[in-house]
């Protein structure tokens, strides 16, 4: 039984920083993709970043996010992180972590497909 537990959300002012954590419990794959997504009510879910656990390769679909956010992992702690700097009001959303055993043939993980396992999400609110 896979369980993903996010933490680290909160409210900050524009320009501030937050670090999100995602603890994965029960994932038994030797290598897998982990990713962060975010969603605002009434809008489509948006991929933020992805990481391949076996080599740490990362992917950011949005260049403006890549300049400010960093996805990372601590395999000893079964935890993935999203360091978010220079936060903007448009970053306000509920952030979700996700896991999937599928690794594309390119050997990198992406956010442009659905993931199998999801956490409950953590709210990030950025005020101007």
C-alpha atoms as a PDB file:
ATOM      1  CA  UNK A   1       0.000   0.000   0.000  1.00  0.00           C
ATOM      2  CA  UNK A   2       1.613   3.241  -1.167  1.00  0.00           C
ATOM      3  CA  UNK A   3       1.136   6.377   0.852  1.00  0.00           C
ATOM      4  CA  UNK A   4       2.446   9.840   0.047  1.00  0.00           C
ATOM      5  CA  UNK A   5       2.483  12.467   2.755  1.00  0.00           C
ATOM      6  CA  UNK A   6       3.116  16.104   1.848  1.00  0.00           C
ATOM      7  CA  UNK A   7       4.086  18.819   4.281  1.00  0.00           C
ATOM      8  CA  UNK A   8       5.610  22.267   4.322  1.00  0.00           C
ATOM      9  CA  UNK A   9       2.861  24.355   2.797  1.00  0.00           C
ATOM     10  CA  UNK A  10       1.784  27.634   4.284  1.00  0.00           C
ATOM     11  CA  UNK A  11       1.267  31.322   3.714  1.00  0.00           C
ATOM     12  CA  UNK A  12       4.082  33.639   2.716  1.00  0.00           C
ATOM     13  CA  UNK A  13       4.484  37.056   1.211  1.00  0.00           C
ATOM     14  CA  UNK A  14       5.625  37.608  -2.327  1.00  0.00           C
ATOM     15  CA  UNK A  15       9.358  36.990  -2.600  1.00  0.00           C
ATOM     16  CA  UNK A  16       9.364  34.499   0.240  1.00  0.00           C
ATOM     17  CA  UNK A  17      10.406  30.857   0.286  1.00  0.00           C
ATOM     18  CA  UNK A  18       8.931  27.537   1.286  1.00  0.00           C
ATOM     19  CA  UNK A  19      10.163  23.972   1.167  1.00  0.00           C
ATOM     20  CA  UNK A  20       7.669  21.227   0.533  1.00  0.00           C
ATOM     21  CA  UNK A  21       8.356  17.635   1.532  1.00  0.00           C
ATOM     22  CA  UNK A  22       6.827  14.411   0.314  1.00  0.00           C
ATOM     23  CA  UNK A  23       7.422  11.249   2.291  1.00  0.00           C
ATOM     24  CA  UNK A  24       6.749   8.102   0.343  1.00  0.00           C
ATOM     25  CA  UNK A  25       5.721   5.010   2.261  1.00  0.00           C
ATOM     26  CA  UNK A  26       5.440   1.577   0.748  1.00  0.00           C
ATOM     27  CA  UNK A  27       7.025   2.308  -2.630  1.00  0.00           C
ATOM     28  CA  UNK A  28       8.974  -0.809  -3.549  1.00  0.00           C
ATOM     29  CA  UNK A  29      10.115  -0.029  -7.087  1.00  0.00           C
ATOM     30  CA  UNK A  30      13.850  -0.020  -7.718  1.00  0.00           C
ATOM     31  CA  UNK A  31      13.503   3.174  -9.710  1.00  0.00           C
ATOM     32  CA  UNK A  32      10.531   5.386 -10.253  1.00  0.00           C
ATOM     33  CA  UNK A  33       9.380   8.873 -11.073  1.00  0.00           C
ATOM     34  CA  UNK A  34       8.318  11.336  -8.447  1.00  0.00           C
ATOM     35  CA  UNK A  35       6.776  14.660  -9.304  1.00  0.00           C
ATOM     36  CA  UNK A  36       5.154  17.779  -7.957  1.00  0.00           C
ATOM     37  CA  UNK A  37       1.932  19.130  -9.393  1.00  0.00           C
ATOM     38  CA  UNK A  38      -0.225  22.051  -8.393  1.00  0.00           C
ATOM     39  CA  UNK A  39      -3.813  22.975  -8.901  1.00  0.00           C
ATOM     40  CA  UNK A  40      -5.977  26.007  -8.386  1.00  0.00           C
ATOM     41  CA  UNK A  41      -9.727  25.441  -8.012  1.00  0.00           C
ATOM     42  CA  UNK A  42     -11.409  25.687 -11.381  1.00  0.00           C
ATOM     43  CA  UNK A  43      -8.187  25.235 -13.318  1.00  0.00           C
ATOM     44  CA  UNK A  44      -6.378  22.251 -14.748  1.00  0.00           C
ATOM     45  CA  UNK A  45      -3.686  20.563 -12.774  1.00  0.00           C
ATOM     46  CA  UNK A  46      -0.216  21.802 -13.695  1.00  0.00           C
ATOM     47  CA  UNK A  47       3.049  19.908 -13.582  1.00  0.00           C
ATOM     48  CA  UNK A  48       5.770  21.662 -11.606  1.00  0.00           C
ATOM     49  CA  UNK A  49       8.767  19.338 -11.563  1.00  0.00           C
ATOM     50  CA  UNK A  50       9.754  15.688 -11.765  1.00  0.00           C
ATOM     51  CA  UNK A  51      12.708  13.595 -10.667  1.00  0.00           C
ATOM     52  CA  UNK A  52      13.936  10.101 -11.484  1.00  0.00           C
ATOM     53  CA  UNK A  53      14.848   8.465  -8.219  1.00  0.00           C
ATOM     54  CA  UNK A  54      17.649   6.266  -9.552  1.00  0.00           C
ATOM     55  CA  UNK A  55      19.863   9.061 -10.847  1.00  0.00           C
ATOM     56  CA  UNK A  56      18.311  12.320  -9.700  1.00  0.00           C
ATOM     57  CA  UNK A  57      17.630  13.625 -13.197  1.00  0.00           C
ATOM     58  CA  UNK A  58      15.138  16.462 -13.003  1.00  0.00           C
ATOM     59  CA  UNK A  59      12.593  18.049 -15.285  1.00  0.00           C
ATOM     60  CA  UNK A  60      10.757  21.369 -15.119  1.00  0.00           C
ATOM     61  CA  UNK A  61       8.065  22.008 -17.723  1.00  0.00           C
ATOM     62  CA  UNK A  62       7.952  25.753 -17.078  1.00  0.00           C
ATOM     63  CA  UNK A  63      11.198  27.729 -17.442  1.00  0.00           C
ATOM     64  CA  UNK A  64       9.964  30.427 -15.079  1.00  0.00           C
ATOM     65  CA  UNK A  65       9.505  27.818 -12.372  1.00  0.00           C
ATOM     66  CA  UNK A  66      12.871  26.214 -13.060  1.00  0.00           C
ATOM     67  CA  UNK A  67      14.577  29.507 -12.219  1.00  0.00           C
ATOM     68  CA  UNK A  68      12.935  29.627  -8.793  1.00  0.00           C
ATOM     69  CA  UNK A  69      12.056  26.067  -7.738  1.00  0.00           C
ATOM     70  CA  UNK A  70      14.324  23.090  -7.122  1.00  0.00           C
ATOM     71  CA  UNK A  71      13.189  19.483  -6.883  1.00  0.00           C
ATOM     72  CA  UNK A  72      15.416  17.117  -4.946  1.00  0.00           C
ATOM     73  CA  UNK A  73      15.331  13.884  -3.000  1.00  0.00           C
ATOM     74  CA  UNK A  74      16.809  12.176   0.011  1.00  0.00           C
ATOM     75  CA  UNK A  75      16.636   8.476  -0.790  1.00  0.00           C
ATOM     76  CA  UNK A  76      17.688   7.498   2.736  1.00  0.00           C
ATOM     77  CA  UNK A  77      14.629   9.299   4.068  1.00  0.00           C
ATOM     78  CA  UNK A  78      12.310   8.276   1.194  1.00  0.00           C
ATOM     79  CA  UNK A  79      11.538  11.942   0.825  1.00  0.00           C
ATOM     80  CA  UNK A  80      11.258  14.311  -2.101  1.00  0.00           C
ATOM     81  CA  UNK A  81      11.496  18.058  -1.712  1.00  0.00           C
ATOM     82  CA  UNK A  82      10.466  21.154  -3.595  1.00  0.00           C
ATOM     83  CA  UNK A  83      12.410  24.246  -2.604  1.00  0.00           C
ATOM     84  CA  UNK A  84      10.447  27.274  -3.745  1.00  0.00           C
ATOM     85  CA  UNK A  85      12.140  30.649  -3.772  1.00  0.00           C
ATOM     86  CA  UNK A  86      10.970  34.071  -4.900  1.00  0.00           C
ATOM     87  CA  UNK A  87       7.374  32.998  -4.576  1.00  0.00           C
ATOM     88  CA  UNK A  88       4.737  34.964  -6.449  1.00  0.00           C
ATOM     89  CA  UNK A  89       0.979  35.262  -5.951  1.00  0.00           C
ATOM     90  CA  UNK A  90       0.476  33.171  -9.099  1.00  0.00           C
ATOM     91  CA  UNK A  91       2.220  30.281  -7.326  1.00  0.00           C
ATOM     92  CA  UNK A  92      -0.744  30.063  -4.966  1.00  0.00           C
ATOM     93  CA  UNK A  93      -2.200  26.574  -5.333  1.00  0.00           C
ATOM     94  CA  UNK A  94      -2.546  23.232  -3.673  1.00  0.00           C
ATOM     95  CA  UNK A  95       0.619  21.265  -4.311  1.00  0.00           C
ATOM     96  CA  UNK A  96       0.539  17.515  -4.747  1.00  0.00           C
ATOM     97  CA  UNK A  97       3.282  14.952  -4.928  1.00  0.00           C
ATOM     98  CA  UNK A  98       2.900  11.896  -7.109  1.00  0.00           C
ATOM     99  CA  UNK A  99       4.701   8.642  -7.813  1.00  0.00           C
ATOM    100  CA  UNK A 100       4.676   6.263 -10.749  1.00  0.00           C
ATOM    101  CA  UNK A 101       6.768   3.245 -11.654  1.00  0.00           C
ATOM    102  CA  UNK A 102       6.607   4.158 -15.342  1.00  0.00           C
ATOM    103  CA  UNK A 103       9.848   5.660 -16.617  1.00  0.00           C
ATOM    104  CA  UNK A 104       9.805   6.875 -20.232  1.00  0.00           C
ATOM    105  CA  UNK A 105      12.265   5.330 -22.684  1.00  0.00           C
ATOM    106  CA  UNK A 106      14.264   8.566 -22.641  1.00  0.00           C
ATOM    107  CA  UNK A 107      15.269   7.761 -19.088  1.00  0.00           C
ATOM    108  CA  UNK A 108      13.817  10.967 -17.715  1.00  0.00           C
ATOM    109  CA  UNK A 109      10.613  11.670 -15.860  1.00  0.00           C
ATOM    110  CA  UNK A 110       8.077  14.209 -17.029  1.00  0.00           C
ATOM    111  CA  UNK A 111       4.821  15.711 -15.841  1.00  0.00           C
ATOM    112  CA  UNK A 112       2.854  15.448 -19.080  1.00  0.00           C
ATOM    113  CA  UNK A 113       1.180  12.173 -18.202  1.00  0.00           C
ATOM    114  CA  UNK A 114      -0.847  10.875 -15.310  1.00  0.00           C
ATOM    115  CA  UNK A 115       0.781   9.385 -12.237  1.00  0.00           C
ATOM    116  CA  UNK A 116      -0.585   6.424 -10.361  1.00  0.00           C
ATOM    117  CA  UNK A 117      -0.164   7.414  -6.731  1.00  0.00           C
ATOM    118  CA  UNK A 118      -0.999  10.801  -5.230  1.00  0.00           C
ATOM    119  CA  UNK A 119      -0.739  12.556  -1.930  1.00  0.00           C
ATOM    120  CA  UNK A 120      -3.474  14.624  -0.327  1.00  0.00           C
ATOM    121  CA  UNK A 121      -1.835  17.917  -1.138  1.00  0.00           C
ATOM    122  CA  UNK A 122      -0.529  20.874   0.810  1.00  0.00           C
ATOM    123  CA  UNK A 123      -1.748  24.438   0.350  1.00  0.00           C
ATOM    124  CA  UNK A 124       0.635  27.206  -0.617  1.00  0.00           C
ATOM    125  CA  UNK A 125      -0.666  30.762  -0.451  1.00  0.00           C
ATOM    126  CA  UNK A 126       1.417  33.722  -1.576  1.00  0.00           C
ATOM    127  CA  UNK A 127       0.197  37.215  -0.836  1.00  0.00           C
ATOM    128  CA  UNK A 128       1.322  40.332  -2.650  1.00  0.00           C
END
